[in-house]
Amino acid sequence: MRKSQFTEEQIIGILKLVNAGQKVADVCRQHSISEGTYYRWKAQYGGLEVNQLRRLRQLEDENRKLKQIVADLTLDNVALKDIATKNW
């Protein structure tokens, strides 16, 4: 997937320009983005502040790590049960 040329902080700044009263078309032209991109960003980042976005990313990363730990432990548990039930 292609990486955006805008950081998340810049995206939130662009969204705030429209909330401050500028027209969507003017902001899109000024930053060389399409209106579709603007509305996609609005759906994804609308209403977030920069610090909230950083906290969200941190929580998503922590959640990903915890899910990986649970998956590893589940796999170990299944392997141990298989070994325990076999008659050697």
PDB file of N, CA and C in Angstrom:
ATOM      1  N   MET A   1       0.836  -1.172   0.000  1.00  0.00           N
ATOM      2  CA  MET A   1       0.000   0.000   0.000  1.00  0.00           C
ATOM      3  C   MET A   1       0.887   1.243   0.000  1.00  0.00           C
ATOM      4  N   ARG A   2       0.518   2.216  -0.753  1.00  0.00           N
ATOM      5  CA  ARG A   2       1.313   3.428  -0.900  1.00  0.00           C
ATOM      6  C   ARG A   2       1.254   4.284   0.354  1.00  0.00           C
ATOM      7  N   LYS A   3       2.392   4.780   0.782  1.00  0.00           N
ATOM      8  CA  LYS A   3       2.478   5.645   1.952  1.00  0.00           C
ATOM      9  C   LYS A   3       2.097   7.068   1.567  1.00  0.00           C
ATOM     10  N   SER A   4       1.325   7.708   2.400  1.00  0.00           N
ATOM     11  CA  SER A   4       0.884   9.075   2.143  1.00  0.00           C
ATOM     12  C   SER A   4       2.063  10.033   2.280  1.00  0.00           C
ATOM     13  N   GLN A   5       2.037  11.094   1.486  1.00  0.00           N
ATOM     14  CA  GLN A   5       3.078  12.103   1.598  1.00  0.00           C
ATOM     15  C   GLN A   5       2.816  13.043   2.763  1.00  0.00           C
ATOM     16  N   PHE A   6       1.650  12.946   3.376  1.00  0.00           N
ATOM     17  CA  PHE A   6       1.284  13.774   4.508  1.00  0.00           C
ATOM     18  C   PHE A   6       1.358  12.959   5.790  1.00  0.00           C
ATOM     19  N   THR A   7       1.888  13.572   6.848  1.00  0.00           N
ATOM     20  CA  THR A   7       1.866  12.912   8.144  1.00  0.00           C
ATOM     21  C   THR A   7       0.469  13.044   8.733  1.00  0.00           C
ATOM     22  N   GLU A   8       0.211  12.261   9.751  1.00  0.00           N
ATOM     23  CA  GLU A   8      -1.107  12.324  10.370  1.00  0.00           C
ATOM     24  C   GLU A   8      -1.354  13.691  11.013  1.00  0.00           C
ATOM     25  N   GLU A   9      -0.297  14.313  11.524  1.00  0.00           N
ATOM     26  CA  GLU A   9      -0.437  15.646  12.108  1.00  0.00           C
ATOM     27  C   GLU A   9      -0.812  16.662  11.028  1.00  0.00           C
ATOM     28  N   GLN A  10      -0.211  16.532   9.844  1.00  0.00           N
ATOM     29  CA  GLN A  10      -0.545  17.439   8.745  1.00  0.00           C
ATOM     30  C   GLN A  10      -1.983  17.213   8.282  1.00  0.00           C
ATOM     31  N   ILE A  11      -2.413  15.975   8.243  1.00  0.00           N
ATOM     32  CA  ILE A  11      -3.784  15.660   7.836  1.00  0.00           C
ATOM     33  C   ILE A  11      -4.779  16.309   8.795  1.00  0.00           C
ATOM     34  N   ILE A  12      -4.521  16.192  10.082  1.00  0.00           N
ATOM     35  CA  ILE A  12      -5.412  16.798  11.069  1.00  0.00           C
ATOM     36  C   ILE A  12      -5.410  18.319  10.917  1.00  0.00           C
ATOM     37  N   GLY A  13      -4.257  18.895  10.612  1.00  0.00           N
ATOM     38  CA  GLY A  13      -4.178  20.334  10.368  1.00  0.00           C
ATOM     39  C   GLY A  13      -5.011  20.758   9.178  1.00  0.00           C
ATOM     40  N   ILE A  14      -4.986  19.961   8.114  1.00  0.00           N
ATOM     41  CA  ILE A  14      -5.791  20.256   6.921  1.00  0.00           C
ATOM     42  C   ILE A  14      -7.278  20.175   7.254  1.00  0.00           C
ATOM     43  N   LEU A  15      -7.667  19.165   8.019  1.00  0.00           N
ATOM     44  CA  LEU A  15      -9.071  19.038   8.406  1.00  0.00           C
ATOM     45  C   LEU A  15      -9.520  20.219   9.258  1.00  0.00           C
ATOM     46  N   LYS A  16      -8.630  20.715  10.104  1.00  0.00           N
ATOM     47  CA  LYS A  16      -8.979  21.851  10.960  1.00  0.00           C
ATOM     48  C   LYS A  16      -9.169  23.134  10.146  1.00  0.00           C
ATOM     49  N   LEU A  17      -8.455  23.252   9.015  1.00  0.00           N
ATOM     50  CA  LEU A  17      -8.630  24.434   8.169  1.00  0.00           C
ATOM     51  C   LEU A  17     -10.073  24.542   7.677  1.00  0.00           C
ATOM     52  N   VAL A  18     -10.635  23.404   7.287  1.00  0.00           N
ATOM     53  CA  VAL A  18     -12.021  23.412   6.811  1.00  0.00           C
ATOM     54  C   VAL A  18     -12.968  23.681   7.977  1.00  0.00           C
ATOM     55  N   ASN A  19     -12.671  23.111   9.139  1.00  0.00           N
ATOM     56  CA  ASN A  19     -13.512  23.371  10.307  1.00  0.00           C
ATOM     57  C   ASN A  19     -13.466  24.839  10.715  1.00  0.00           C
ATOM     58  N   ALA A  20     -12.358  25.509  10.407  1.00  0.00           N
ATOM     59  CA  ALA A  20     -12.216  26.924  10.756  1.00  0.00           C
ATOM     60  C   ALA A  20     -12.981  27.833   9.809  1.00  0.00           C
ATOM     61  N   GLY A  21     -13.485  27.294   8.710  1.00  0.00           N
ATOM     62  CA  GLY A  21     -14.326  28.099   7.844  1.00  0.00           C
ATOM     63  C   GLY A  21     -13.897  28.176   6.392  1.00  0.00           C
ATOM     64  N   GLN A  22     -12.761  27.633   6.044  1.00  0.00           N
ATOM     65  CA  GLN A  22     -12.351  27.652   4.643  1.00  0.00           C
ATOM     66  C   GLN A  22     -13.157  26.628   3.859  1.00  0.00           C
ATOM     67  N   LYS A  23     -13.286  26.850   2.571  1.00  0.00           N
ATOM     68  CA  LYS A  23     -14.037  25.929   1.721  1.00  0.00           C
ATOM     69  C   LYS A  23     -13.198  24.700   1.414  1.00  0.00           C
ATOM     70  N   VAL A  24     -13.877  23.561   1.295  1.00  0.00           N
ATOM     71  CA  VAL A  24     -13.206  22.295   1.028  1.00  0.00           C
ATOM     72  C   VAL A  24     -12.425  22.369  -0.274  1.00  0.00           C
ATOM     73  N   ALA A  25     -13.021  22.919  -1.319  1.00  0.00           N
ATOM     74  CA  ALA A  25     -12.357  22.997  -2.613  1.00  0.00           C
ATOM     75  C   ALA A  25     -11.088  23.834  -2.539  1.00  0.00           C
ATOM     76  N   ASP A  26     -11.127  24.941  -1.792  1.00  0.00           N
ATOM     77  CA  ASP A  26      -9.947  25.801  -1.663  1.00  0.00           C
ATOM     78  C   ASP A  26      -8.821  25.096  -0.916  1.00  0.00           C
ATOM     79  N   VAL A  27      -9.165  24.424   0.164  1.00  0.00           N
ATOM     80  CA  VAL A  27      -8.150  23.715   0.953  1.00  0.00           C
ATOM     81  C   VAL A  27      -7.544  22.579   0.132  1.00  0.00           C
ATOM     82  N   CYS A  28      -8.377  21.865  -0.602  1.00  0.00           N
ATOM     83  CA  CYS A  28      -7.887  20.762  -1.435  1.00  0.00           C
ATOM     84  C   CYS A  28      -6.950  21.287  -2.520  1.00  0.00           C
ATOM     85  N   ARG A  29      -7.301  22.379  -3.137  1.00  0.00           N
ATOM     86  CA  ARG A  29      -6.456  22.958  -4.179  1.00  0.00           C
ATOM     87  C   ARG A  29      -5.138  23.450  -3.582  1.00  0.00           C
ATOM     88  N   GLN A  30      -5.208  24.067  -2.422  1.00  0.00           N
ATOM     89  CA  GLN A  30      -4.029  24.613  -1.759  1.00  0.00           C
ATOM     90  C   GLN A  30      -3.024  23.510  -1.400  1.00  0.00           C
ATOM     91  N   HIS A  31      -3.521  22.348  -1.004  1.00  0.00           N
ATOM     92  CA  HIS A  31      -2.643  21.251  -0.570  1.00  0.00           C
ATOM     93  C   HIS A  31      -2.483  20.158  -1.628  1.00  0.00           C
ATOM     94  N   SER A  32      -3.046  20.382  -2.806  1.00  0.00           N
ATOM     95  CA  SER A  32      -2.936  19.449  -3.942  1.00  0.00           C
ATOM     96  C   SER A  32      -3.453  18.049  -3.608  1.00  0.00           C
ATOM     97  N   ILE A  33      -4.656  18.013  -3.055  1.00  0.00           N
ATOM     98  CA  ILE A  33      -5.320  16.739  -2.788  1.00  0.00           C
ATOM     99  C   ILE A  33      -6.698  16.782  -3.434  1.00  0.00           C
ATOM    100  N   SER A  34      -7.265  15.609  -3.665  1.00  0.00           N
ATOM    101  CA  SER A  34      -8.611  15.564  -4.232  1.00  0.00           C
ATOM    102  C   SER A  34      -9.639  15.683  -3.104  1.00  0.00           C
ATOM    103  N   GLU A  35     -10.851  16.027  -3.490  1.00  0.00           N
ATOM    104  CA  GLU A  35     -11.913  16.113  -2.481  1.00  0.00           C
ATOM    105  C   GLU A  35     -12.231  14.738  -1.917  1.00  0.00           C
ATOM    106  N   GLY A  36     -12.071  13.707  -2.733  1.00  0.00           N
ATOM    107  CA  GLY A  36     -12.275  12.342  -2.239  1.00  0.00           C
ATOM    108  C   GLY A  36     -11.298  11.992  -1.129  1.00  0.00           C
ATOM    109  N   THR A  37     -10.049  12.419  -1.322  1.00  0.00           N
ATOM    110  CA  THR A  37      -9.037  12.199  -0.290  1.00  0.00           C
ATOM    111  C   THR A  37      -9.406  12.947   0.977  1.00  0.00           C
ATOM    112  N   TYR A  38      -9.856  14.192   0.816  1.00  0.00           N
ATOM    113  CA  TYR A  38     -10.251  14.969   1.987  1.00  0.00           C
ATOM    114  C   TYR A  38     -11.358  14.257   2.780  1.00  0.00           C
ATOM    115  N   TYR A  39     -12.388  13.789   2.076  1.00  0.00           N
ATOM    116  CA  TYR A  39     -13.514  13.154   2.771  1.00  0.00           C
ATOM    117  C   TYR A  39     -13.123  11.801   3.369  1.00  0.00           C
ATOM    118  N   ARG A  40     -12.181  11.107   2.746  1.00  0.00           N
ATOM    119  CA  ARG A  40     -11.682   9.846   3.321  1.00  0.00           C
ATOM    120  C   ARG A  40     -10.924  10.143   4.614  1.00  0.00           C
ATOM    121  N   TRP A  41     -10.085  11.188   4.582  1.00  0.00           N
ATOM    122  CA  TRP A  41      -9.368  11.595   5.788  1.00  0.00           C
ATOM    123  C   TRP A  41     -10.338  12.038   6.876  1.00  0.00           C
ATOM    124  N   LYS A  42     -11.386  12.747   6.466  1.00  0.00           N
ATOM    125  CA  LYS A  42     -12.366  13.226   7.445  1.00  0.00           C
ATOM    126  C   LYS A  42     -13.060  12.056   8.130  1.00  0.00           C
ATOM    127  N   ALA A  43     -13.369  11.021   7.349  1.00  0.00           N
ATOM    128  CA  ALA A  43     -14.009   9.842   7.935  1.00  0.00           C
ATOM    129  C   ALA A  43     -13.058   9.117   8.885  1.00  0.00           C
ATOM    130  N   GLN A  44     -11.770   9.113   8.543  1.00  0.00           N
ATOM    131  CA  GLN A  44     -10.805   8.373   9.345  1.00  0.00           C
ATOM    132  C   GLN A  44     -10.315   9.175  10.551  1.00  0.00           C
ATOM    133  N   TYR A  45     -10.026  10.457  10.359  1.00  0.00           N
ATOM    134  CA  TYR A  45      -9.407  11.268  11.399  1.00  0.00           C
ATOM    135  C   TYR A  45     -10.305  12.359  11.949  1.00  0.00           C
ATOM    136  N   GLY A  46     -11.535  12.474  11.473  1.00  0.00           N
ATOM    137  CA  GLY A  46     -12.420  13.555  11.893  1.00  0.00           C
ATOM    138  C   GLY A  46     -12.658  13.561  13.391  1.00  0.00           C
ATOM    139  N   GLY A  47     -12.502  14.712  14.003  1.00  0.00           N
ATOM    140  CA  GLY A  47     -12.760  14.859  15.429  1.00  0.00           C
ATOM    141  C   GLY A  47     -11.591  14.497  16.320  1.00  0.00           C
ATOM    142  N   LEU A  48     -10.482  14.049  15.756  1.00  0.00           N
ATOM    143  CA  LEU A  48      -9.331  13.683  16.574  1.00  0.00           C
ATOM    144  C   LEU A  48      -8.362  14.847  16.698  1.00  0.00           C
ATOM    145  N   GLU A  49      -7.756  14.948  17.842  1.00  0.00           N
ATOM    146  CA  GLU A  49      -6.649  15.877  18.057  1.00  0.00           C
ATOM    147  C   GLU A  49      -5.353  15.089  17.877  1.00  0.00           C
ATOM    148  N   VAL A  50      -4.250  15.795  17.745  1.00  0.00           N
ATOM    149  CA  VAL A  50      -2.966  15.136  17.510  1.00  0.00           C
ATOM    150  C   VAL A  50      -2.597  14.226  18.675  1.00  0.00           C
ATOM    151  N   ASN A  51      -2.798  14.686  19.909  1.00  0.00           N
ATOM    152  CA  ASN A  51      -2.445  13.856  21.057  1.00  0.00           C
ATOM    153  C   ASN A  51      -3.355  12.622  21.152  1.00  0.00           C
ATOM    154  N   GLN A  52      -4.616  12.760  20.767  1.00  0.00           N
ATOM    155  CA  GLN A  52      -5.518  11.616  20.757  1.00  0.00           C
ATOM    156  C   GLN A  52      -5.083  10.597  19.711  1.00  0.00           C
ATOM    157  N   LEU A  53      -4.616  11.087  18.565  1.00  0.00           N
ATOM    158  CA  LEU A  53      -4.159  10.200  17.509  1.00  0.00           C
ATOM    159  C   LEU A  53      -2.918   9.429  17.942  1.00  0.00           C
ATOM    160  N   ARG A  54      -1.994  10.114  18.606  1.00  0.00           N
ATOM    161  CA  ARG A  54      -0.794   9.429  19.104  1.00  0.00           C
ATOM    162  C   ARG A  54      -1.164   8.357  20.115  1.00  0.00           C
ATOM    163  N   ARG A  55      -2.099   8.675  21.010  1.00  0.00           N
ATOM    164  CA  ARG A  55      -2.545   7.701  22.015  1.00  0.00           C
ATOM    165  C   ARG A  55      -3.228   6.518  21.343  1.00  0.00           C
ATOM    166  N   LEU A  56      -4.023   6.785  20.315  1.00  0.00           N
ATOM    167  CA  LEU A  56      -4.695   5.720  19.573  1.00  0.00           C
ATOM    168  C   LEU A  56      -3.677   4.790  18.932  1.00  0.00           C
ATOM    169  N   ARG A  57      -2.645   5.355  18.293  1.00  0.00           N
ATOM    170  CA  ARG A  57      -1.593   4.539  17.675  1.00  0.00           C
ATOM    171  C   ARG A  57      -0.867   3.704  18.720  1.00  0.00           C
ATOM    172  N   GLN A  58      -0.611   4.307  19.883  1.00  0.00           N
ATOM    173  CA  GLN A  58       0.075   3.591  20.957  1.00  0.00           C
ATOM    174  C   GLN A  58      -0.785   2.416  21.449  1.00  0.00           C
ATOM    175  N   LEU A  59      -2.076   2.647  21.617  1.00  0.00           N
ATOM    176  CA  LEU A  59      -2.967   1.583  22.076  1.00  0.00           C
ATOM    177  C   LEU A  59      -3.109   0.479  21.025  1.00  0.00           C
ATOM    178  N   GLU A  60      -3.160   0.848  19.753  1.00  0.00           N
ATOM    179  CA  GLU A  60      -3.238  -0.158  18.692  1.00  0.00           C
ATOM    180  C   GLU A  60      -1.988  -1.015  18.668  1.00  0.00           C
ATOM    181  N   ASP A  61      -0.831  -0.399  18.873  1.00  0.00           N
ATOM    182  CA  ASP A  61       0.425  -1.141  18.890  1.00  0.00           C
ATOM    183  C   ASP A  61       0.470  -2.099  20.082  1.00  0.00           C
ATOM    184  N   GLU A  62       0.053  -1.602  21.246  1.00  0.00           N
ATOM    185  CA  GLU A  62       0.019  -2.444  22.441  1.00  0.00           C
ATOM    186  C   GLU A  62      -0.961  -3.605  22.251  1.00  0.00           C
ATOM    187  N   ASN A  63      -2.110  -3.335  21.649  1.00  0.00           N
ATOM    188  CA  ASN A  63      -3.112  -4.363  21.399  1.00  0.00           C
ATOM    189  C   ASN A  63      -2.572  -5.436  20.455  1.00  0.00           C
ATOM    190  N   ARG A  64      -1.829  -5.008  19.423  1.00  0.00           N
ATOM    191  CA  ARG A  64      -1.233  -5.950  18.481  1.00  0.00           C
ATOM    192  C   ARG A  64      -0.246  -6.874  19.189  1.00  0.00           C
ATOM    193  N   LYS A  65       0.569  -6.312  20.079  1.00  0.00           N
ATOM    194  CA  LYS A  65       1.543  -7.117  20.824  1.00  0.00           C
ATOM    195  C   LYS A  65       0.847  -8.116  21.741  1.00  0.00           C
ATOM    196  N   LEU A  66      -0.204  -7.663  22.421  1.00  0.00           N
ATOM    197  CA  LEU A  66      -0.939  -8.555  23.322  1.00  0.00           C
ATOM    198  C   LEU A  66      -1.621  -9.686  22.560  1.00  0.00           C
ATOM    199  N   LYS A  67      -2.170  -9.395  21.383  1.00  0.00           N
ATOM    200  CA  LYS A  67      -2.791 -10.444  20.571  1.00  0.00           C
ATOM    201  C   LYS A  67      -1.757 -11.464  20.129  1.00  0.00           C
ATOM    202  N   GLN A  68      -0.549 -11.011  19.820  1.00  0.00           N
ATOM    203  CA  GLN A  68       0.520 -11.925  19.424  1.00  0.00           C
ATOM    204  C   GLN A  68       0.909 -12.837  20.591  1.00  0.00           C
ATOM    205  N   ILE A  69       0.966 -12.282  21.791  1.00  0.00           N
ATOM    206  CA  ILE A  69       1.293 -13.077  22.977  1.00  0.00           C
ATOM    207  C   ILE A  69       0.221 -14.135  23.210  1.00  0.00           C
ATOM    208  N   VAL A  70      -1.048 -13.750  23.095  1.00  0.00           N
ATOM    209  CA  VAL A  70      -2.150 -14.705  23.289  1.00  0.00           C
ATOM    210  C   VAL A  70      -2.085 -15.812  22.237  1.00  0.00           C
ATOM    211  N   ALA A  71      -1.793 -15.466  21.011  1.00  0.00           N
ATOM    212  CA  ALA A  71      -1.695 -16.467  19.944  1.00  0.00           C
ATOM    213  C   ALA A  71      -0.562 -17.442  20.219  1.00  0.00           C
ATOM    214  N   ASP A  72       0.589 -16.932  20.663  1.00  0.00           N
ATOM    215  CA  ASP A  72       1.724 -17.805  20.976  1.00  0.00           C
ATOM    216  C   ASP A  72       1.399 -18.745  22.135  1.00  0.00           C
ATOM    217  N   LEU A  73       0.775 -18.217  23.177  1.00  0.00           N
ATOM    218  CA  LEU A  73       0.431 -19.052  24.328  1.00  0.00           C
ATOM    219  C   LEU A  73      -0.623 -20.095  23.963  1.00  0.00           C
ATOM    220  N   THR A  74      -1.568 -19.739  23.133  1.00  0.00           N
ATOM    221  CA  THR A  74      -2.583 -20.693  22.695  1.00  0.00           C
ATOM    222  C   THR A  74      -1.945 -21.821  21.897  1.00  0.00           C
ATOM    223  N   LEU A  75      -1.020 -21.482  21.028  1.00  0.00           N
ATOM    224  CA  LEU A  75      -0.318 -22.489  20.245  1.00  0.00           C
ATOM    225  C   LEU A  75       0.481 -23.426  21.151  1.00  0.00           C
ATOM    226  N   ASP A  76       1.168 -22.888  22.148  1.00  0.00           N
ATOM    227  CA  ASP A  76       1.907 -23.713  23.102  1.00  0.00           C
ATOM    228  C   ASP A  76       0.971 -24.620  23.881  1.00  0.00           C
ATOM    229  N   ASN A  77      -0.176 -24.071  24.278  1.00  0.00           N
ATOM    230  CA  ASN A  77      -1.154 -24.844  25.044  1.00  0.00           C
ATOM    231  C   ASN A  77      -1.679 -26.013  24.225  1.00  0.00           C
ATOM    232  N   VAL A  78      -2.001 -25.787  22.988  1.00  0.00           N
ATOM    233  CA  VAL A  78      -2.504 -26.853  22.112  1.00  0.00           C
ATOM    234  C   VAL A  78      -1.439 -27.918  21.914  1.00  0.00           C
ATOM    235  N   ALA A  79      -0.199 -27.501  21.721  1.00  0.00           N
ATOM    236  CA  ALA A  79       0.887 -28.468  21.532  1.00  0.00           C
ATOM    237  C   ALA A  79       1.077 -29.326  22.780  1.00  0.00           C
ATOM    238  N   LEU A  80       1.011 -28.710  23.944  1.00  0.00           N
ATOM    239  CA  LEU A  80       1.162 -29.472  25.187  1.00  0.00           C
ATOM    240  C   LEU A  80       0.002 -30.438  25.394  1.00  0.00           C
ATOM    241  N   LYS A  81      -1.195 -30.040  25.056  1.00  0.00           N
ATOM    242  CA  LYS A  81      -2.346 -30.942  25.181  1.00  0.00           C
ATOM    243  C   LYS A  81      -2.212 -32.127  24.234  1.00  0.00           C
ATOM    244  N   ASP A  82      -1.722 -31.879  23.021  1.00  0.00           N
ATOM    245  CA  ASP A  82      -1.521 -32.972  22.071  1.00  0.00           C
ATOM    246  C   ASP A  82      -0.500 -33.970  22.593  1.00  0.00           C
ATOM    247  N   ILE A  83       0.564 -33.469  23.166  1.00  0.00           N
ATOM    248  CA  ILE A  83       1.599 -34.359  23.710  1.00  0.00           C
ATOM    249  C   ILE A  83       1.067 -35.135  24.900  1.00  0.00           C
ATOM    250  N   ALA A  84       0.275 -34.484  25.766  1.00  0.00           N
ATOM    251  CA  ALA A  84      -0.247 -35.140  26.964  1.00  0.00           C
ATOM    252  C   ALA A  84      -1.265 -36.217  26.642  1.00  0.00           C
ATOM    253  N   THR A  85      -2.020 -36.071  25.561  1.00  0.00           N
ATOM    254  CA  THR A  85      -3.063 -37.055  25.267  1.00  0.00           C
ATOM    255  C   THR A  85      -2.552 -38.255  24.479  1.00  0.00           C
ATOM    256  N   LYS A  86      -1.375 -38.162  23.885  1.00  0.00           N
ATOM    257  CA  LYS A  86      -0.840 -39.296  23.121  1.00  0.00           C
ATOM    258  C   LYS A  86      -0.255 -40.338  24.060  1.00  0.00           C
ATOM    259  N   ASN A  87      -0.447 -41.594  23.699  1.00  0.00           N
ATOM    260  CA  ASN A  87       0.113 -42.699  24.476  1.00  0.00           C
ATOM    261  C   ASN A  87       1.486 -43.047  23.932  1.00  0.00           C
ATOM    262  N   TRP A  88       2.485 -42.802  24.687  1.00  0.00           N
ATOM    263  CA  TRP A  88       3.851 -43.062  24.249  1.00  0.00           C
ATOM    264  C   TRP A  88       4.246 -44.409  24.711  1.00  0.00           C
TER     265      TRP A  88
END
